[in-house]
Amino acid sequence: MNTERKSVIVKEIQYWKDKRLLPSVYCDFLLALYTEGNGFENESSKAGNRKKLWLTIDSVFLLSLIPFSILITHFTEFVLVLQIGIALLLILIGLFHFTAFKTRNLEYAHVALVSSLLVLLITSVSIISELAVFEIWVYLTIFLNGLIWLTAGLIYKYKYLIVCSLVNVMFIGFSIFQ
């Protein structure tokens, strides 16, 4: 078979793979068959690698929001209103990423949701512990965060959020009644 005909067939198989007209296993087999085992690196696979790299960098950025929120609330002397504003901005960044990832059905949505929920927990507990006179307000804040986690877990059917919220309630119960 001449090389021009092979390249046309390889491009067609790659199109089928990109558009998911055939399962990728079949397409990989056909590509290996027509390229005689040499493989076929095309622009779409390079773009896929680039996309994964950017998603990984974005996930690292989202995870860095957590220590940044700790830094803002514990190690700076910002005014309380500024701390709340920065915390709200960090939470909104995480939720924006969550909705963007969720609409594209990417598994990175979990990272965005968990990071924004942890930023909410960290900042709300530290702000309430500064303002509250009684310790019960801190427990109530942690409990309300657990309810938010439970609600998010039930809405999106994330079992790990449901389990974390139930563990949250158990720890609060042990702490209060100890």
N, C-alpha and C. Protein backbone atom coordinates (compact mmCIF):
# COMPACT_ATOMS: atom_id res chain seq x y z
N MET A 1 0.86 -1.18 0.00
CA MET A 1 0.00 0.00 0.00
C MET A 1 0.90 1.24 0.00
N ASN A 2 0.58 2.19 -0.82
CA ASN A 2 1.45 3.36 -0.91
C ASN A 2 1.26 4.27 0.32
N THR A 3 2.24 5.12 0.55
CA THR A 3 2.26 5.94 1.76
C THR A 3 1.16 6.99 1.77
N GLU A 4 0.79 7.49 0.61
CA GLU A 4 -0.27 8.50 0.56
C GLU A 4 -1.60 7.91 1.00
N ARG A 5 -1.86 6.71 0.53
CA ARG A 5 -3.11 6.04 0.91
C ARG A 5 -3.12 5.71 2.40
N LYS A 6 -1.98 5.26 2.92
CA LYS A 6 -1.88 4.97 4.35
C LYS A 6 -2.12 6.22 5.19
N SER A 7 -1.55 7.33 4.76
CA SER A 7 -1.73 8.56 5.55
C SER A 7 -3.18 9.02 5.54
N VAL A 8 -3.88 8.81 4.43
CA VAL A 8 -5.31 9.15 4.39
C VAL A 8 -6.09 8.26 5.35
N ILE A 9 -5.78 6.98 5.35
CA ILE A 9 -6.47 6.04 6.25
C ILE A 9 -6.16 6.38 7.71
N VAL A 10 -4.91 6.70 8.00
CA VAL A 10 -4.52 7.04 9.37
C VAL A 10 -5.23 8.31 9.82
N LYS A 11 -5.33 9.29 8.94
CA LYS A 11 -6.04 10.53 9.29
C LYS A 11 -7.52 10.25 9.55
N GLU A 12 -8.10 9.37 8.75
CA GLU A 12 -9.52 9.03 8.93
C GLU A 12 -9.74 8.30 10.25
N ILE A 13 -8.85 7.39 10.60
CA ILE A 13 -8.97 6.68 11.88
C ILE A 13 -8.78 7.65 13.03
N GLN A 14 -7.86 8.57 12.89
CA GLN A 14 -7.65 9.57 13.94
C GLN A 14 -8.89 10.45 14.09
N TYR A 15 -9.55 10.76 12.99
CA TYR A 15 -10.80 11.53 13.04
C TYR A 15 -11.87 10.74 13.79
N TRP A 16 -11.96 9.44 13.51
CA TRP A 16 -12.94 8.60 14.21
C TRP A 16 -12.65 8.58 15.70
N LYS A 17 -11.36 8.53 16.03
CA LYS A 17 -10.98 8.50 17.45
C LYS A 17 -11.31 9.82 18.12
N ASP A 18 -11.02 10.93 17.46
CA ASP A 18 -11.29 12.25 18.03
C ASP A 18 -12.77 12.50 18.22
N LYS A 19 -13.57 12.05 17.27
CA LYS A 19 -15.02 12.26 17.32
C LYS A 19 -15.75 11.13 18.04
N ARG A 20 -14.98 10.15 18.51
CA ARG A 20 -15.52 9.00 19.26
C ARG A 20 -16.55 8.22 18.45
N LEU A 21 -16.27 8.05 17.18
CA LEU A 21 -17.13 7.23 16.33
C LEU A 21 -16.85 5.75 16.54
N LEU A 22 -15.63 5.44 16.93
CA LEU A 22 -15.23 4.09 17.32
C LEU A 22 -14.58 4.17 18.69
N PRO A 23 -14.64 3.09 19.46
CA PRO A 23 -13.91 3.10 20.74
C PRO A 23 -12.42 3.32 20.51
N SER A 24 -11.80 3.98 21.46
CA SER A 24 -10.39 4.34 21.28
C SER A 24 -9.49 3.11 21.20
N VAL A 25 -9.90 2.00 21.82
CA VAL A 25 -9.10 0.78 21.74
C VAL A 25 -9.04 0.29 20.30
N TYR A 26 -10.17 0.30 19.62
CA TYR A 26 -10.20 -0.12 18.22
C TYR A 26 -9.37 0.82 17.36
N CYS A 27 -9.51 2.11 17.60
CA CYS A 27 -8.75 3.08 16.82
C CYS A 27 -7.26 2.93 17.05
N ASP A 28 -6.86 2.68 18.31
CA ASP A 28 -5.44 2.47 18.59
C ASP A 28 -4.92 1.23 17.86
N PHE A 29 -5.75 0.18 17.84
CA PHE A 29 -5.35 -1.03 17.13
C PHE A 29 -5.18 -0.76 15.64
N LEU A 30 -6.16 -0.08 15.05
CA LEU A 30 -6.08 0.22 13.62
C LEU A 30 -4.91 1.15 13.30
N LEU A 31 -4.66 2.12 14.19
CA LEU A 31 -3.51 3.01 13.98
C LEU A 31 -2.20 2.24 14.05
N ALA A 32 -2.10 1.33 15.00
CA ALA A 32 -0.89 0.51 15.11
C ALA A 32 -0.73 -0.38 13.88
N LEU A 33 -1.85 -0.87 13.37
CA LEU A 33 -1.81 -1.73 12.19
C LEU A 33 -1.36 -0.97 10.95
N TYR A 34 -1.93 0.19 10.73
CA TYR A 34 -1.62 0.95 9.51
C TYR A 34 -0.30 1.72 9.60
N THR A 35 0.16 2.01 10.79
CA THR A 35 1.46 2.68 10.90
C THR A 35 2.57 1.67 11.18
N GLU A 36 2.21 0.39 11.13
CA GLU A 36 3.15 -0.71 11.33
C GLU A 36 3.85 -0.63 12.69
N GLY A 37 3.08 -0.27 13.70
CA GLY A 37 3.58 -0.24 15.06
C GLY A 37 4.40 0.97 15.42
N ASN A 38 4.57 1.89 14.50
CA ASN A 38 5.37 3.08 14.79
C ASN A 38 4.60 4.13 15.57
N GLY A 39 3.31 3.97 15.67
CA GLY A 39 2.50 4.96 16.37
C GLY A 39 2.26 6.16 15.49
N PHE A 40 1.40 7.01 15.95
CA PHE A 40 1.06 8.19 15.16
C PHE A 40 0.78 9.32 16.11
N GLU A 41 1.69 10.23 16.22
CA GLU A 41 1.55 11.40 17.08
C GLU A 41 1.02 12.54 16.24
N ASN A 42 -0.21 12.93 16.51
CA ASN A 42 -0.78 14.02 15.71
C ASN A 42 -0.99 15.25 16.57
N GLU A 43 -1.53 16.27 15.96
CA GLU A 43 -1.72 17.54 16.66
C GLU A 43 -2.74 17.43 17.79
N SER A 44 -3.77 16.58 17.60
CA SER A 44 -4.79 16.50 18.64
C SER A 44 -4.25 15.84 19.90
N SER A 45 -3.34 14.87 19.77
CA SER A 45 -2.77 14.27 20.97
C SER A 45 -1.80 15.23 21.64
N LYS A 46 -1.09 16.04 20.85
CA LYS A 46 -0.23 17.06 21.45
C LYS A 46 -1.06 18.11 22.17
N ALA A 47 -2.18 18.48 21.56
CA ALA A 47 -3.08 19.44 22.21
C ALA A 47 -3.68 18.85 23.47
N GLY A 48 -3.96 17.55 23.45
CA GLY A 48 -4.47 16.89 24.65
C GLY A 48 -3.46 16.89 25.77
N ASN A 49 -2.18 16.67 25.43
CA ASN A 49 -1.13 16.73 26.44
C ASN A 49 -0.99 18.14 27.00
N ARG A 50 -1.10 19.13 26.13
CA ARG A 50 -1.02 20.52 26.57
C ARG A 50 -2.19 20.85 27.49
N LYS A 51 -3.37 20.35 27.14
CA LYS A 51 -4.56 20.59 27.95
C LYS A 51 -4.41 19.96 29.33
N LYS A 52 -3.88 18.74 29.38
CA LYS A 52 -3.67 18.08 30.67
C LYS A 52 -2.65 18.84 31.51
N LEU A 53 -1.63 19.37 30.86
CA LEU A 53 -0.63 20.16 31.59
C LEU A 53 -1.27 21.39 32.21
N TRP A 54 -2.09 22.10 31.43
CA TRP A 54 -2.74 23.30 31.97
C TRP A 54 -3.74 22.95 33.06
N LEU A 55 -4.43 21.84 32.93
CA LEU A 55 -5.36 21.42 33.98
C LEU A 55 -4.62 21.06 35.26
N THR A 56 -3.46 20.45 35.11
CA THR A 56 -2.65 20.12 36.29
C THR A 56 -2.14 21.39 36.96
N ILE A 57 -1.68 22.34 36.17
CA ILE A 57 -1.22 23.62 36.72
C ILE A 57 -2.38 24.34 37.41
N ASP A 58 -3.56 24.28 36.81
CA ASP A 58 -4.74 24.91 37.40
C ASP A 58 -5.12 24.23 38.71
N SER A 59 -4.97 22.91 38.77
CA SER A 59 -5.26 22.20 40.02
C SER A 59 -4.28 22.57 41.12
N VAL A 60 -3.02 22.73 40.76
CA VAL A 60 -2.03 23.17 41.75
C VAL A 60 -2.38 24.57 42.24
N PHE A 61 -2.81 25.43 41.32
CA PHE A 61 -3.24 26.78 41.71
C PHE A 61 -4.42 26.71 42.67
N LEU A 62 -5.39 25.86 42.37
CA LEU A 62 -6.57 25.74 43.24
C LEU A 62 -6.19 25.19 44.61
N LEU A 63 -5.27 24.24 44.64
CA LEU A 63 -4.83 23.72 45.93
C LEU A 63 -4.00 24.75 46.70
N SER A 64 -3.34 25.65 45.99
CA SER A 64 -2.57 26.69 46.68
C SER A 64 -3.47 27.75 47.32
N LEU A 65 -4.74 27.76 46.96
CA LEU A 65 -5.67 28.69 47.62
C LEU A 65 -5.82 28.37 49.10
N ILE A 66 -5.68 27.10 49.46
CA ILE A 66 -5.86 26.68 50.85
C ILE A 66 -4.77 27.27 51.75
N PRO A 67 -3.47 27.06 51.46
CA PRO A 67 -2.47 27.70 52.31
C PRO A 67 -2.50 29.22 52.22
N PHE A 68 -2.90 29.75 51.07
CA PHE A 68 -3.00 31.20 50.95
C PHE A 68 -4.08 31.75 51.89
N SER A 69 -5.19 31.03 52.03
CA SER A 69 -6.23 31.48 52.96
C SER A 69 -5.75 31.40 54.40
N ILE A 70 -4.95 30.39 54.72
CA ILE A 70 -4.37 30.31 56.06
C ILE A 70 -3.42 31.48 56.28
N LEU A 71 -2.62 31.77 55.29
CA LEU A 71 -1.69 32.89 55.38
C LEU A 71 -2.43 34.21 55.60
N ILE A 72 -3.50 34.42 54.87
CA ILE A 72 -4.26 35.67 54.97
C ILE A 72 -4.91 35.81 56.34
N THR A 73 -5.47 34.72 56.86
CA THR A 73 -6.23 34.84 58.11
C THR A 73 -5.36 34.78 59.36
N HIS A 74 -4.22 34.10 59.30
CA HIS A 74 -3.44 33.91 60.52
C HIS A 74 -2.16 34.73 60.60
N PHE A 75 -1.55 35.03 59.49
CA PHE A 75 -0.23 35.63 59.53
C PHE A 75 -0.15 37.04 58.98
N THR A 76 -1.28 37.65 58.76
CA THR A 76 -1.28 39.04 58.32
C THR A 76 -2.07 39.88 59.31
N GLU A 77 -1.88 41.15 59.24
CA GLU A 77 -2.63 42.05 60.11
C GLU A 77 -3.58 42.89 59.28
N PHE A 78 -4.19 42.24 58.29
CA PHE A 78 -5.19 42.93 57.48
C PHE A 78 -6.41 43.22 58.32
N VAL A 79 -7.13 44.25 57.92
CA VAL A 79 -8.40 44.56 58.56
C VAL A 79 -9.35 43.40 58.28
N LEU A 80 -10.27 43.16 59.21
CA LEU A 80 -11.17 42.02 59.10
C LEU A 80 -12.00 42.06 57.82
N VAL A 81 -12.41 43.25 57.40
CA VAL A 81 -13.20 43.38 56.18
C VAL A 81 -12.37 42.95 54.96
N LEU A 82 -11.09 43.30 54.96
CA LEU A 82 -10.21 42.91 53.86
C LEU A 82 -9.99 41.39 53.86
N GLN A 83 -9.86 40.80 55.04
CA GLN A 83 -9.73 39.35 55.12
C GLN A 83 -10.97 38.66 54.56
N ILE A 84 -12.13 39.17 54.92
CA ILE A 84 -13.38 38.59 54.42
C ILE A 84 -13.47 38.76 52.91
N GLY A 85 -13.08 39.91 52.40
CA GLY A 85 -13.12 40.15 50.96
C GLY A 85 -12.19 39.23 50.19
N ILE A 86 -10.97 39.05 50.70
CA ILE A 86 -10.02 38.16 50.03
C ILE A 86 -10.51 36.72 50.10
N ALA A 87 -11.05 36.33 51.26
CA ALA A 87 -11.58 34.97 51.39
C ALA A 87 -12.74 34.74 50.43
N LEU A 88 -13.60 35.73 50.31
CA LEU A 88 -14.73 35.61 49.38
C LEU A 88 -14.23 35.51 47.94
N LEU A 89 -13.20 36.26 47.61
CA LEU A 89 -12.62 36.18 46.27
C LEU A 89 -12.03 34.79 46.01
N LEU A 90 -11.34 34.23 46.99
CA LEU A 90 -10.76 32.89 46.83
C LEU A 90 -11.85 31.84 46.66
N ILE A 91 -12.92 31.97 47.43
CA ILE A 91 -14.03 31.01 47.31
C ILE A 91 -14.70 31.13 45.95
N LEU A 92 -14.89 32.35 45.48
CA LEU A 92 -15.50 32.55 44.17
C LEU A 92 -14.62 32.01 43.04
N ILE A 93 -13.31 32.16 43.18
CA ILE A 93 -12.40 31.59 42.18
C ILE A 93 -12.56 30.07 42.14
N GLY A 94 -12.59 29.45 43.32
CA GLY A 94 -12.78 28.00 43.37
C GLY A 94 -14.11 27.55 42.80
N LEU A 95 -15.17 28.28 43.12
CA LEU A 95 -16.49 27.90 42.60
C LEU A 95 -16.60 28.14 41.10
N PHE A 96 -15.94 29.19 40.61
CA PHE A 96 -15.93 29.42 39.16
C PHE A 96 -15.24 28.26 38.45
N HIS A 97 -14.11 27.83 38.98
CA HIS A 97 -13.41 26.70 38.39
C HIS A 97 -14.26 25.43 38.48
N PHE A 98 -14.96 25.27 39.61
CA PHE A 98 -15.81 24.09 39.77
C PHE A 98 -16.89 24.04 38.70
N THR A 99 -17.58 25.16 38.49
CA THR A 99 -18.64 25.15 37.48
C THR A 99 -18.07 24.96 36.07
N ALA A 100 -16.90 25.53 35.82
CA ALA A 100 -16.29 25.36 34.49
C ALA A 100 -15.88 23.90 34.27
N PHE A 101 -15.30 23.28 35.29
CA PHE A 101 -14.89 21.89 35.15
C PHE A 101 -16.09 20.95 35.13
N LYS A 102 -17.10 21.28 35.91
CA LYS A 102 -18.29 20.42 35.99
C LYS A 102 -19.05 20.42 34.67
N THR A 103 -19.15 21.56 34.00
CA THR A 103 -19.85 21.60 32.72
C THR A 103 -19.11 20.82 31.64
N ARG A 104 -17.79 20.68 31.79
CA ARG A 104 -17.00 19.91 30.83
C ARG A 104 -16.80 18.47 31.28
N ASN A 105 -17.42 18.08 32.39
CA ASN A 105 -17.32 16.72 32.94
C ASN A 105 -15.87 16.31 33.19
N LEU A 106 -15.10 17.22 33.75
CA LEU A 106 -13.70 16.92 34.08
C LEU A 106 -13.60 16.50 35.53
N GLU A 107 -12.70 15.57 35.81
CA GLU A 107 -12.52 15.11 37.18
C GLU A 107 -11.85 16.16 38.06
N TYR A 108 -11.33 17.21 37.46
CA TYR A 108 -10.71 18.28 38.22
C TYR A 108 -11.74 19.12 38.98
N ALA A 109 -13.00 18.90 38.72
CA ALA A 109 -14.06 19.62 39.44
C ALA A 109 -14.00 19.32 40.93
N HIS A 110 -13.59 18.11 41.28
CA HIS A 110 -13.49 17.75 42.69
C HIS A 110 -12.45 18.60 43.41
N VAL A 111 -11.34 18.83 42.75
CA VAL A 111 -10.27 19.64 43.35
C VAL A 111 -10.77 21.06 43.60
N ALA A 112 -11.47 21.61 42.64
CA ALA A 112 -11.97 22.98 42.78
C ALA A 112 -13.00 23.08 43.89
N LEU A 113 -13.91 22.12 43.97
CA LEU A 113 -14.94 22.17 45.00
C LEU A 113 -14.35 21.99 46.39
N VAL A 114 -13.48 21.03 46.54
CA VAL A 114 -12.88 20.78 47.86
C VAL A 114 -12.02 21.96 48.29
N SER A 115 -11.27 22.54 47.38
CA SER A 115 -10.45 23.69 47.78
C SER A 115 -11.30 24.87 48.19
N SER A 116 -12.39 25.13 47.48
CA SER A 116 -13.24 26.26 47.88
C SER A 116 -13.96 25.98 49.19
N LEU A 117 -14.36 24.73 49.42
CA LEU A 117 -15.00 24.39 50.70
C LEU A 117 -14.01 24.49 51.87
N LEU A 118 -12.78 24.07 51.64
CA LEU A 118 -11.78 24.19 52.70
C LEU A 118 -11.40 25.64 52.98
N VAL A 119 -11.34 26.45 51.95
CA VAL A 119 -11.08 27.88 52.15
C VAL A 119 -12.22 28.49 52.96
N LEU A 120 -13.46 28.11 52.65
CA LEU A 120 -14.61 28.59 53.41
C LEU A 120 -14.51 28.17 54.86
N LEU A 121 -14.16 26.92 55.11
CA LEU A 121 -14.04 26.43 56.48
C LEU A 121 -12.94 27.16 57.24
N ILE A 122 -11.78 27.27 56.65
CA ILE A 122 -10.63 27.89 57.32
C ILE A 122 -10.91 29.35 57.65
N THR A 123 -11.38 30.08 56.67
CA THR A 123 -11.59 31.51 56.90
C THR A 123 -12.77 31.79 57.82
N SER A 124 -13.84 31.02 57.69
CA SER A 124 -14.99 31.28 58.56
C SER A 124 -14.67 30.95 60.01
N VAL A 125 -13.96 29.86 60.24
CA VAL A 125 -13.61 29.51 61.62
C VAL A 125 -12.64 30.52 62.21
N SER A 126 -11.65 30.95 61.44
CA SER A 126 -10.69 31.91 62.01
C SER A 126 -11.33 33.27 62.26
N ILE A 127 -12.23 33.69 61.38
CA ILE A 127 -12.89 34.99 61.58
C ILE A 127 -13.85 34.92 62.76
N ILE A 128 -14.61 33.85 62.86
CA ILE A 128 -15.55 33.71 63.98
C ILE A 128 -14.79 33.56 65.30
N SER A 129 -13.66 32.87 65.29
CA SER A 129 -12.90 32.73 66.53
C SER A 129 -12.33 34.07 66.99
N GLU A 130 -12.07 34.99 66.06
CA GLU A 130 -11.64 36.33 66.45
C GLU A 130 -12.78 37.14 67.03
N LEU A 131 -13.96 36.99 66.46
CA LEU A 131 -15.10 37.82 66.86
C LEU A 131 -15.90 37.26 68.02
N ALA A 132 -15.98 35.94 68.12
CA ALA A 132 -16.89 35.33 69.07
C ALA A 132 -16.36 35.40 70.49
N VAL A 133 -17.29 35.63 71.39
CA VAL A 133 -16.96 35.63 72.80
C VAL A 133 -17.05 34.22 73.36
N PHE A 134 -18.04 33.48 72.90
CA PHE A 134 -18.27 32.13 73.40
C PHE A 134 -17.78 31.10 72.38
N GLU A 135 -17.28 30.00 72.90
CA GLU A 135 -16.74 28.94 72.06
C GLU A 135 -17.82 28.24 71.24
N ILE A 136 -19.06 28.32 71.68
CA ILE A 136 -20.15 27.65 70.98
C ILE A 136 -20.34 28.20 69.57
N TRP A 137 -19.97 29.48 69.35
CA TRP A 137 -20.11 30.07 68.02
C TRP A 137 -19.14 29.42 67.03
N VAL A 138 -17.98 29.06 67.50
CA VAL A 138 -17.02 28.37 66.64
C VAL A 138 -17.56 26.99 66.27
N TYR A 139 -18.11 26.28 67.28
CA TYR A 139 -18.71 24.97 66.99
C TYR A 139 -19.87 25.10 66.02
N LEU A 140 -20.67 26.14 66.18
CA LEU A 140 -21.80 26.36 65.29
C LEU A 140 -21.32 26.66 63.86
N THR A 141 -20.24 27.41 63.74
CA THR A 141 -19.67 27.70 62.42
C THR A 141 -19.17 26.43 61.75
N ILE A 142 -18.49 25.59 62.51
CA ILE A 142 -18.00 24.32 61.95
C ILE A 142 -19.18 23.44 61.55
N PHE A 143 -20.23 23.44 62.37
CA PHE A 143 -21.42 22.65 62.06
C PHE A 143 -22.09 23.16 60.78
N LEU A 144 -22.19 24.48 60.63
CA LEU A 144 -22.80 25.04 59.42
C LEU A 144 -21.97 24.72 58.17
N ASN A 145 -20.66 24.73 58.32
CA ASN A 145 -19.80 24.30 57.20
C ASN A 145 -20.06 22.84 56.86
N GLY A 146 -20.26 22.02 57.88
CA GLY A 146 -20.59 20.62 57.64
C GLY A 146 -21.91 20.47 56.90
N LEU A 147 -22.88 21.32 57.24
CA LEU A 147 -24.16 21.29 56.52
C LEU A 147 -23.98 21.70 55.05
N ILE A 148 -23.11 22.67 54.82
CA ILE A 148 -22.83 23.07 53.44
C ILE A 148 -22.18 21.91 52.68
N TRP A 149 -21.27 21.21 53.34
CA TRP A 149 -20.62 20.06 52.70
C TRP A 149 -21.65 18.96 52.42
N LEU A 150 -22.54 18.74 53.38
CA LEU A 150 -23.58 17.72 53.20
C LEU A 150 -24.50 18.09 52.04
N THR A 151 -24.89 19.34 51.97
CA THR A 151 -25.76 19.80 50.88
C THR A 151 -25.07 19.63 49.52
N ALA A 152 -23.81 20.03 49.45
CA ALA A 152 -23.06 19.88 48.19
C ALA A 152 -22.90 18.40 47.84
N GLY A 153 -22.67 17.57 48.85
CA GLY A 153 -22.54 16.14 48.59
C GLY A 153 -23.83 15.52 48.10
N LEU A 154 -24.95 15.97 48.65
CA LEU A 154 -26.24 15.43 48.20
C LEU A 154 -26.62 15.94 46.82
N ILE A 155 -26.34 17.20 46.55
CA ILE A 155 -26.69 17.77 45.24
C ILE A 155 -25.88 17.12 44.12
N TYR A 156 -24.57 17.03 44.32
CA TYR A 156 -23.70 16.51 43.26
C TYR A 156 -23.41 15.02 43.40
N LYS A 157 -23.98 14.38 44.43
CA LYS A 157 -23.80 12.94 44.67
C LYS A 157 -22.33 12.58 44.87
N TYR A 158 -21.65 13.39 45.66
CA TYR A 158 -20.27 13.11 46.03
C TYR A 158 -20.28 12.49 47.42
N LYS A 159 -19.99 11.21 47.49
CA LYS A 159 -20.09 10.49 48.76
C LYS A 159 -19.04 10.95 49.77
N TYR A 160 -17.89 11.36 49.30
CA TYR A 160 -16.84 11.77 50.23
C TYR A 160 -17.24 13.04 50.99
N LEU A 161 -18.01 13.92 50.37
CA LEU A 161 -18.47 15.12 51.08
C LEU A 161 -19.52 14.75 52.13
N ILE A 162 -20.37 13.79 51.82
CA ILE A 162 -21.37 13.34 52.78
C ILE A 162 -20.68 12.71 53.98
N VAL A 163 -19.69 11.86 53.73
CA VAL A 163 -18.96 11.21 54.83
C VAL A 163 -18.21 12.24 55.66
N CYS A 164 -17.56 13.21 55.01
CA CYS A 164 -16.84 14.25 55.76
C CYS A 164 -17.77 15.08 56.62
N SER A 165 -18.96 15.36 56.12
CA SER A 165 -19.90 16.15 56.93
C SER A 165 -20.41 15.35 58.12
N LEU A 166 -20.61 14.05 57.95
CA LEU A 166 -21.04 13.22 59.08
C LEU A 166 -19.93 13.08 60.12
N VAL A 167 -18.70 12.95 59.66
CA VAL A 167 -17.57 12.92 60.60
C VAL A 167 -17.45 14.25 61.32
N ASN A 168 -17.71 15.33 60.62
CA ASN A 168 -17.71 16.67 61.20
C ASN A 168 -18.71 16.75 62.35
N VAL A 169 -19.92 16.26 62.12
CA VAL A 169 -20.95 16.30 63.16
C VAL A 169 -20.54 15.43 64.35
N MET A 170 -19.93 14.28 64.09
CA MET A 170 -19.50 13.41 65.19
C MET A 170 -18.42 14.09 66.03
N PHE A 171 -17.44 14.71 65.38
CA PHE A 171 -16.37 15.38 66.12
C PHE A 171 -16.90 16.55 66.94
N ILE A 172 -17.84 17.28 66.38
CA ILE A 172 -18.43 18.39 67.13
C ILE A 172 -19.20 17.87 68.33
N GLY A 173 -19.93 16.78 68.13
CA GLY A 173 -20.65 16.18 69.25
C GLY A 173 -19.71 15.72 70.35
N PHE A 174 -18.60 15.09 69.97
CA PHE A 174 -17.62 14.66 70.97
C PHE A 174 -16.99 15.86 71.67
N SER A 175 -16.72 16.91 70.94
CA SER A 175 -16.07 18.09 71.53
C SER A 175 -16.99 18.82 72.49
N ILE A 176 -18.26 18.93 72.13
CA ILE A 176 -19.19 19.67 72.98
C ILE A 176 -19.52 18.89 74.24
N PHE A 177 -19.77 17.60 74.10
CA PHE A 177 -20.23 16.81 75.24
C PHE A 177 -19.09 16.14 76.00
N GLN A 178 -17.89 16.56 75.77
CA GLN A 178 -16.75 15.97 76.47
C GLN A 178 -16.56 16.59 77.82
